[in-house]
Protein backbone atom coordinates (compact mmCIF):
# COMPACT_ATOMS: atom_id res chain seq x y z
CA MET A 1 107.34 111.29 94.55
CA SER A 2 107.01 115.03 95.17
CA LYS A 3 109.58 117.48 93.39
CA PRO A 4 110.17 121.15 93.64
CA LEU A 5 107.76 123.30 91.45
CA LEU A 6 110.58 124.84 89.47
CA GLN A 7 112.01 121.35 88.56
CA ARG A 8 108.59 119.95 87.61
CA ASN A 9 107.93 123.15 85.44
CA THR A 10 111.40 122.69 83.78
CA ASN A 11 110.73 119.02 83.12
CA ILE A 12 107.49 119.68 81.38
CA LEU A 13 109.23 122.29 79.18
CA LEU A 14 112.06 119.73 78.51
CA VAL A 15 109.47 117.15 77.56
CA TRP A 16 107.09 119.05 75.39
CA LEU A 17 109.17 121.89 73.86
CA PRO A 18 111.46 119.40 71.93
CA ILE A 19 108.26 117.57 70.69
CA ILE A 20 106.70 120.81 69.58
CA LEU A 21 110.03 122.12 67.98
CA LEU A 22 110.42 118.61 66.19
CA LEU A 23 106.85 118.94 64.71
CA SER A 24 107.53 122.46 63.85
CA SER A 25 110.86 121.45 62.11
CA GLY A 26 108.88 118.79 60.14
CA VAL A 27 106.32 121.38 58.99
CA PHE A 28 108.95 123.82 58.17
CA TYR A 29 110.95 121.19 55.96
CA TYR A 30 107.65 120.37 54.22
CA ILE A 31 106.93 123.98 53.46
CA LEU A 32 110.50 124.54 52.34
CA LYS A 33 110.35 121.55 50.02
CA LYS A 34 107.06 122.77 48.58
CA HIS A 35 108.55 126.38 48.11
CA THR A 36 111.78 125.09 46.31
CA HIS A 37 109.66 122.80 44.05
CA HIS A 38 107.58 125.80 42.97
CA ALA A 39 110.56 127.83 42.59
CA GLU A 40 112.27 125.16 40.29
CA GLU A 41 109.07 125.01 38.22
CA LYS A 42 109.05 128.63 37.74
CA TYR A 43 112.76 128.65 36.87
CA LEU A 44 112.39 125.72 34.40
CA LEU A 45 109.37 127.48 32.78
CA LEU A 46 111.34 130.68 32.48
CA LYS A 47 114.30 128.85 30.92
CA GLN A 48 111.95 127.18 28.54
CA GLN A 49 110.55 130.55 27.31
CA ASN A 50 114.02 131.99 27.01
CA VAL A 51 115.24 128.95 24.98
CA TRP A 52 112.19 128.89 22.65
CA ASN A 53 112.42 132.63 22.22
CA GLY A 54 115.99 132.34 21.28
CA PHE A 55 115.34 129.38 18.75
CA ILE A 56 112.63 131.36 16.96
CA THR A 57 114.54 134.57 16.99
CA THR A 58 117.63 132.69 15.34
CA SER A 59 115.37 130.80 13.09
CA GLY A 60 116.65 127.59 14.65
CA ALA A 61 120.18 128.50 14.35
CA ILE A 62 121.01 128.04 17.96
CA GLU A 63 122.83 124.93 19.49
CA LYS A 64 120.15 122.18 19.87
CA HIS A 65 121.50 120.55 22.97
CA ILE A 66 123.65 121.75 25.85
CA ALA A 67 124.20 119.16 28.59
CA GLY A 68 122.49 120.19 31.82
CA GLU A 69 120.83 123.26 30.41
CA TYR A 70 118.36 122.38 27.46
CA LYS A 71 117.56 120.20 24.56
CA ILE A 72 115.52 120.84 21.45
CA GLU A 73 114.03 118.01 19.50
CA GLU A 74 111.87 117.99 16.30
CA SER A 75 109.53 115.46 17.01
CA SER A 76 105.96 114.75 18.67
CA ALA A 77 105.60 113.50 22.01
CA THR A 78 104.58 109.89 22.18
CA ASN A 79 103.81 109.86 25.85
CA ARG A 80 101.82 113.06 26.90
CA THR A 81 102.35 112.33 30.66
CA ILE A 82 105.94 113.47 30.50
CA LEU A 83 105.03 116.90 29.27
CA ASN A 84 104.29 120.06 31.29
CA SER A 85 105.39 118.51 34.72
CA THR A 86 108.68 118.72 36.52
CA ARG A 87 110.46 115.28 36.81
CA ASP A 88 113.71 113.99 38.29
CA THR A 89 116.67 112.55 36.23
CA THR A 90 120.36 112.14 36.16
CA ILE A 91 123.14 113.24 33.69
CA PHE A 92 126.51 111.78 33.46
CA TYR A 93 129.24 114.20 33.75
CA ALA A 94 132.63 112.87 32.37
CA ALA A 95 134.61 115.50 34.30
CA GLU A 96 132.94 114.43 37.52
CA GLY A 97 133.05 110.79 36.64
CA LYS A 98 129.63 110.24 37.95
CA LYS A 99 125.96 110.99 37.33
CA LEU A 100 124.37 114.05 38.91
CA PRO A 101 120.84 114.74 39.80
CA PHE A 102 118.83 117.08 37.83
CA LYS A 103 115.10 118.08 37.41
CA PHE A 104 113.70 118.70 33.95
CA LEU A 105 110.57 120.09 32.22
CA ALA A 106 109.44 119.13 28.72
CA ARG A 107 106.92 121.20 26.70
CA GLN A 108 105.72 120.85 23.15
CA TYR A 109 105.86 123.73 20.63
CA GLN A 110 104.87 124.48 16.97
CA TRP A 111 107.08 126.41 14.60
CA ASN A 112 106.68 126.56 10.74
CA SER A 113 104.05 123.86 11.15
CA ARG A 114 106.52 121.39 12.61
CA PRO A 115 106.51 119.98 16.26
CA TYR A 116 109.25 120.63 18.64
CA ILE A 117 109.70 119.30 22.20
CA VAL A 118 111.94 121.65 24.34
CA THR A 119 113.38 120.01 27.57
CA THR A 120 115.12 122.26 30.10
CA TYR A 121 117.17 121.28 32.96
CA ILE A 122 118.29 122.52 36.37
CA SER A 123 120.73 120.95 38.91
CA SER A 124 119.03 119.42 42.08
CA THR A 125 122.31 119.34 43.84
CA GLU A 126 122.52 123.10 44.75
CA THR A 127 118.79 123.02 45.65
CA ASN A 128 119.31 120.08 47.87
CA HIS A 129 122.35 121.76 49.51
CA LEU A 130 120.36 124.96 49.98
CA ILE A 131 117.44 123.02 51.66
CA ILE A 132 119.95 121.19 54.03
CA LYS A 133 121.71 124.45 54.91
CA VAL A 134 118.52 126.31 55.52
CA PHE A 135 117.12 123.23 57.59
CA ILE A 136 120.33 123.02 59.69
CA SER A 137 120.25 126.73 60.35
CA GLU A 138 116.63 126.58 61.38
CA ALA A 139 117.35 123.47 63.73
CA ILE A 140 120.17 125.51 65.40
CA ILE A 141 117.95 128.48 65.85
CA LEU A 142 115.34 126.40 67.56
CA LEU A 143 117.87 124.75 69.66
CA ILE A 144 119.15 128.09 70.86
CA LEU A 145 115.42 129.07 71.20
CA LEU A 146 114.82 125.91 73.49
CA ILE A 147 117.85 126.58 75.56
CA THR A 148 116.91 130.32 75.92
CA ILE A 149 113.35 129.52 76.89
CA VAL A 150 114.37 126.91 79.52
CA VAL A 151 117.16 129.19 81.11
CA LEU A 152 114.90 132.25 81.02
CA ASN A 153 112.12 130.17 82.53
CA ARG A 154 114.27 129.06 85.40
CA LYS A 155 115.56 132.61 85.88
CA SER A 156 112.22 134.25 85.94
CA SER A 157 110.60 131.48 88.02
CA VAL A 158 113.31 131.90 90.74
CA TRP A 159 112.59 135.61 90.78
CA LEU A 160 108.72 135.39 90.65
CA TRP A 161 108.55 132.65 93.25
CA HIS A 162 111.07 134.43 95.69
CA PRO A 163 108.11 135.85 97.79
CA PHE A 164 106.58 132.52 98.04
CA LEU A 165 109.89 130.93 99.30
CA LEU A 166 110.44 133.73 101.77
CA SER A 167 107.01 133.08 103.26
CA ILE A 168 107.66 129.31 103.54
CA ASN A 169 110.92 129.73 105.20
CA ALA A 170 109.54 132.40 107.64
CA THR A 171 106.56 129.92 108.43
CA GLU A 172 108.86 126.99 108.84
CA LYS A 173 110.91 129.02 111.61
CA PHE A 174 107.71 130.03 113.40
CA ASP A 175 107.48 128.24 116.75
CA ILE A 176 104.39 128.89 118.60
CA ILE A 177 105.89 127.45 121.68
CA ARG A 178 108.54 130.06 121.83
CA ASN A 179 105.88 132.79 121.21
CA ASN A 180 107.87 134.27 118.41
CA ASN A 181 106.20 136.71 115.89
CA LEU A 182 105.33 135.95 112.24
CA GLN A 183 104.21 138.84 110.10
CA LEU A 184 104.45 138.15 106.26
CA SER A 185 104.58 140.99 103.80
CA GLU A 186 101.24 141.52 101.99
CA LYS A 187 102.82 143.61 99.31
CA THR A 188 104.83 141.04 97.36
CA GLY A 189 103.86 142.38 93.89
CA THR A 190 101.88 139.23 93.07
CA ILE A 191 98.18 139.23 94.01
CA GLU A 192 97.96 135.44 94.70
CA PHE A 193 101.09 135.74 97.07
CA ASP A 194 99.61 138.79 98.64
CA GLN A 195 96.35 136.61 99.33
CA LEU A 196 98.34 133.63 100.63
CA ASN A 197 100.49 135.80 103.07
CA ASN A 198 97.28 137.58 104.25
CA THR A 199 95.63 134.26 104.92
CA ILE A 200 98.61 132.84 106.69
CA ASN A 201 98.74 135.94 108.97
CA LYS A 202 95.21 135.62 109.88
CA LEU A 203 95.63 131.97 110.61
CA VAL A 204 98.71 132.55 112.86
CA LYS A 205 96.86 135.24 114.89
CA ASN A 206 93.82 132.82 115.48
CA VAL A 207 96.19 130.00 116.44
CA LYS A 208 98.23 132.12 118.64
CA ARG A 209 94.95 133.47 120.37
CA ALA A 210 93.79 129.97 121.02
CA TYR A 211 97.10 128.71 122.09
CA ASN A 212 97.46 131.70 124.57
CA SER A 213 94.03 131.05 125.74
CA GLN A 214 94.82 127.54 126.49
CA LYS A 215 97.98 128.18 128.31
CA GLN A 216 96.41 130.91 130.29
CA PHE A 217 93.73 128.60 131.41
CA VAL A 218 96.24 125.90 132.48
CA GLU A 219 98.24 128.32 134.41
CA ASN A 220 95.41 129.96 136.07
CA ALA A 221 93.87 126.54 136.89
CA SER A 222 97.28 125.42 138.49
CA HIS A 223 97.40 128.51 140.57
CA GLU A 224 93.90 128.28 141.74
CA ILE A 225 94.25 124.63 142.54
CA GLN A 226 97.22 125.24 144.96
CA THR A 227 95.09 126.82 147.76
CA PRO A 228 92.53 124.19 148.10
CA LEU A 229 95.22 121.49 147.83
CA ALA A 230 97.11 123.22 150.79
CA ILE A 231 93.80 123.33 152.72
CA ILE A 232 93.04 119.71 152.14
CA ARG A 233 96.64 118.62 153.11
CA ALA A 234 96.41 120.60 156.45
CA LYS A 235 92.98 119.21 157.33
CA LEU A 236 94.21 115.66 156.50
CA GLU A 237 97.16 116.26 158.93
CA LEU A 238 94.72 117.26 161.65
CA LEU A 239 92.43 114.29 160.99
CA ILE A 240 95.38 111.92 161.01
CA ASN A 241 96.65 113.42 164.33
CA GLN A 242 93.33 113.00 166.10
CA PRO A 243 93.42 110.74 169.10
CA ASN A 244 91.54 107.44 169.07
CA ILE A 245 91.68 107.26 165.14
CA GLN A 246 90.71 103.64 163.95
CA GLU A 247 93.11 101.70 161.65
CA LYS A 248 90.61 101.63 158.83
CA GLU A 249 90.12 105.39 159.02
CA ALA A 250 93.89 105.87 159.05
CA SER A 251 94.23 103.70 155.99
CA LEU A 252 91.56 105.74 154.21
CA LEU A 253 93.16 109.06 155.18
CA GLY A 254 96.51 107.70 154.04
CA ASP A 255 94.97 106.90 150.60
CA ILE A 256 93.48 110.41 150.49
CA ALA A 257 96.87 111.93 151.46
CA ASN A 258 98.55 109.86 148.64
CA ALA A 259 96.16 110.99 146.11
CA THR A 260 96.42 114.59 147.24
CA ASN A 261 100.29 114.46 146.88
CA ARG A 262 99.99 113.13 143.44
CA LEU A 263 97.44 115.77 142.62
CA SER A 264 99.90 118.55 144.04
CA GLU A 265 102.62 117.15 142.06
CA MET A 266 100.57 117.08 138.91
CA ASN A 267 99.60 120.64 139.46
CA LYS A 268 103.34 121.68 139.91
CA THR A 269 104.32 119.89 136.71
CA LEU A 270 101.55 121.39 134.67
CA LEU A 271 102.33 124.87 136.06
CA LEU A 272 106.03 124.39 135.11
CA LEU A 273 104.84 123.26 131.51
CA ALA A 274 102.91 126.37 131.25
CA LYS A 275 105.86 128.42 132.42
CA ILE A 276 108.20 126.84 129.88
CA GLU A 277 105.64 127.35 126.98
CA ASN A 278 105.34 131.03 128.15
CA ASN A 279 109.09 131.32 127.99
CA GLN A 280 109.37 132.31 131.56
CA PHE A 281 112.95 131.15 131.88
CA PRO A 282 114.88 133.64 129.90
CA GLU A 283 118.17 133.56 131.88
CA ILE A 284 120.80 131.78 129.94
CA ALA A 285 124.19 130.66 131.06
CA ASN A 286 126.91 128.23 130.24
CA VAL A 287 125.72 125.04 132.10
CA SER A 288 127.94 121.94 132.45
CA ILE A 289 125.92 118.67 131.78
CA ASN A 290 128.63 116.70 133.47
CA ASN A 291 128.43 118.75 136.65
CA VAL A 292 124.55 118.51 136.76
CA ILE A 293 124.66 114.81 136.35
CA ASN A 294 127.38 114.39 138.97
CA GLU A 295 125.20 116.43 141.57
CA ILE A 296 121.91 114.61 140.80
CA THR A 297 123.39 110.96 140.74
CA ARG A 298 125.13 111.70 144.08
CA ASP A 299 121.89 113.04 145.69
CA CYS A 300 120.03 109.83 144.39
CA ILE A 301 122.58 107.54 145.96
CA GLU A 302 122.63 109.33 149.20
CA TYR A 303 118.78 110.01 149.71
CA ILE A 304 116.98 107.30 147.81
CA ASP A 305 116.54 103.88 149.64
CA SER A 306 117.51 100.86 147.36
CA CYS A 307 118.73 103.05 144.55
CA PRO A 308 119.79 101.26 141.58
CA LEU A 309 123.47 100.76 140.63
CA ILE A 310 124.44 103.81 138.56
CA THR A 311 127.50 103.54 136.25
CA SER A 312 128.93 106.57 134.46
CA ASN A 313 130.87 106.39 131.12
CA ILE A 314 131.90 109.90 130.60
CA GLU A 315 134.28 110.54 127.58
CA ASN A 316 134.03 114.36 127.31
CA GLU A 317 132.57 117.55 128.66
CA ILE A 318 129.22 118.92 127.37
CA THR A 319 128.53 122.72 128.01
CA VAL A 320 125.32 124.10 126.72
CA ALA A 321 123.84 127.68 126.68
CA ALA A 322 120.59 127.21 128.66
CA ASN A 323 118.75 127.98 131.86
CA LEU A 324 120.23 126.05 134.87
CA SER A 325 117.01 125.27 136.42
CA LEU A 326 115.63 123.70 133.22
CA ILE A 327 118.71 121.55 132.62
CA GLU A 328 118.49 120.32 136.25
CA ILE A 329 114.95 119.54 135.81
CA LEU A 330 115.60 117.72 132.55
CA ILE A 331 118.40 115.63 134.01
CA ASN A 332 116.54 114.96 137.24
CA ASN A 333 113.49 113.65 135.40
CA LEU A 334 115.58 111.49 133.27
CA VAL A 335 117.36 109.88 136.16
CA ASN A 336 114.29 109.58 138.28
CA ASN A 337 112.46 108.09 135.42
CA ALA A 338 115.23 105.47 135.09
CA ILE A 339 114.88 104.82 138.92
CA VAL A 340 111.16 104.45 138.96
CA HIS A 341 110.78 102.43 135.85
CA ASN A 342 113.58 99.84 136.74
CA ASN A 343 113.14 96.30 137.51
CA ASP A 344 114.71 93.79 140.06
CA LYS A 345 118.19 94.09 138.26
CA LYS A 346 118.37 97.74 139.25
CA LYS A 347 120.97 98.98 136.85
CA ILE A 348 121.40 102.45 135.18
CA ILE A 349 124.20 103.43 132.84
CA ILE A 350 124.85 107.09 131.99
CA THR A 351 127.05 107.73 128.97
CA ILE A 352 128.49 110.91 127.52
CA GLU A 353 129.94 110.77 124.21
CA GLY A 354 130.43 113.76 121.86
CA SER A 355 127.30 115.89 121.95
CA LYS A 356 125.08 112.79 123.10
CA LEU A 357 123.86 112.01 126.64
CA GLU A 358 122.58 108.52 126.91
CA ILE A 359 120.74 107.04 129.99
CA LYS A 360 119.95 103.41 130.04
CA ASN A 361 118.07 101.43 132.68
CA THR A 362 116.88 97.77 133.03
CA GLY A 363 113.14 97.40 132.90
CA ASP A 364 110.20 95.46 131.60
CA PRO A 365 108.77 96.36 128.21
CA LEU A 366 106.33 99.19 127.84
CA LEU A 367 102.53 98.59 127.70
CA VAL A 368 102.08 101.74 125.52
CA ASN A 369 103.19 102.68 121.98
CA PRO A 370 106.72 104.23 122.13
CA GLU A 371 105.69 106.78 119.70
CA THR A 372 103.34 108.28 122.25
CA LEU A 373 105.64 107.95 125.20
CA PHE A 374 106.43 111.66 125.30
CA GLU A 375 102.81 112.73 125.28
CA ARG A 376 101.18 114.20 128.36
CA PHE A 377 99.63 111.71 130.74
CA ARG A 378 101.08 108.64 128.87
CA LYS A 379 102.55 106.08 131.14
CA SER A 380 103.10 102.51 131.62
CA THR A 381 100.60 100.72 133.89
CA TYR A 382 103.43 99.31 135.90
CA GLN A 383 103.86 102.44 137.82
CA LYS A 384 100.31 103.66 139.13
CA GLN A 385 101.72 106.44 141.23
CA THR A 386 103.31 108.48 138.59
CA THR A 387 101.62 111.56 137.04
CA GLY A 388 102.46 110.65 133.36
CA LEU A 389 104.09 114.20 132.86
CA GLY A 390 107.66 113.53 133.55
CA LEU A 391 108.67 112.57 129.82
CA ALA A 392 106.25 115.31 128.53
CA LEU A 393 108.21 117.87 130.56
CA ILE A 394 111.45 116.47 129.24
CA LYS A 395 110.21 116.76 125.66
CA GLN A 396 109.01 120.28 126.23
CA ILE A 397 112.51 121.50 127.58
CA CYS A 398 114.29 119.62 124.55
CA GLN A 399 111.97 121.48 122.21
CA LEU A 400 112.66 124.79 123.86
CA TYR A 401 116.44 124.59 123.19
CA GLY A 402 116.21 122.55 119.99
CA TYR A 403 117.63 119.29 121.36
CA ASN A 404 116.86 115.94 119.66
CA ILE A 405 115.53 113.18 121.96
CA GLU A 406 115.22 109.40 121.11
CA TYR A 407 113.95 106.31 122.78
CA SER A 408 114.38 102.74 122.37
CA TYR A 409 113.96 99.39 123.98
CA LYS A 410 116.28 96.32 123.39
CA ASN A 411 117.34 93.34 125.43
CA ASN A 412 115.43 94.64 128.58
CA TRP A 413 117.30 97.88 128.41
CA HIS A 414 115.35 101.10 128.14
CA THR A 415 117.52 103.81 126.43
CA VAL A 416 116.78 107.62 126.10
CA GLN A 417 119.25 109.54 124.10
CA ILE A 418 119.52 113.49 124.07
CA TYR A 419 121.68 115.22 121.29
CA PHE A 420 122.64 118.54 122.51
């Protein structure tokens, strides 16, 4: 599952930084313990020297034992392993009512040809408290550092990636059909983003050049075809009106005339598509969808033989800012499509609810994939005489004004919905 780059970067920091900080805390604790142990050894050794010097200076007249400080014994060590190394022990304090931890160091000395063992003590409690306080302070510092790194990373990432997000937003809004311009800044302050914007600008120029060439070709071809079509239609009328024409010849001429009419209708539709793509319908006005539907359905009922039964369920008024001609073409194609692709039941239901226009008609299932229904020259084989451009024209107008169009088929009903 894809996630935003900033979120992924933050997640990586939140996963790895705590691990690194924990490992660093362990190393810090180990080093701190080693240093405190070394300091304890030095302190015990210094106390050893001070006690022994005091013992010699006073000729042995000092106190031989002070609990928790030192102890001087006149004897030889029977176990050499306890000498010259720092060890742990506990000493009972009556005032505290408990045993307290200490560290001690025992060394053997000679004075007046007699052996002495001097043992010095230091409390482990304060040392442990110091280690805990230092470690807690270090943990707080690392936690603050972690939070600071994450926050600064998010803030800096938003600032650093701002030019990229601007380019993405501008690219998303670019619509080649509406022929709007897209010129991204090539001075963002970041070399990689400059290269990206430069590449996108070049790509857009090439795409627009190819797209305009294709539109120009379609428009020119449609214009050029009109003249020979008019000549063919005129010649056919002359041939059909010739005297003594045979029935077989008349049938052939009728087929040619039908094919010519289809070709002329296709040419007009392609020319209209090219004009829409070129945005040649700039006039905008407030258009009542209800009025357009009423006029078109009334004309269909009056002028189309065996017109299906058209039922209207209108709950509210829909008014859009658009070109009146295009809205009329949109509604007219929808209604004609429902009429042409109907079956023997011959029913059409037109519903307006909220901002939705719904046109339903009875009919046989499609023989093509519904996902390709709005593509050019896609049509069901039930109707051989259609051009396959009616729904493509509907989709083109919807794209021009940003309307959403949906198609479905259920229980022998074709349904087209447009959300204005």
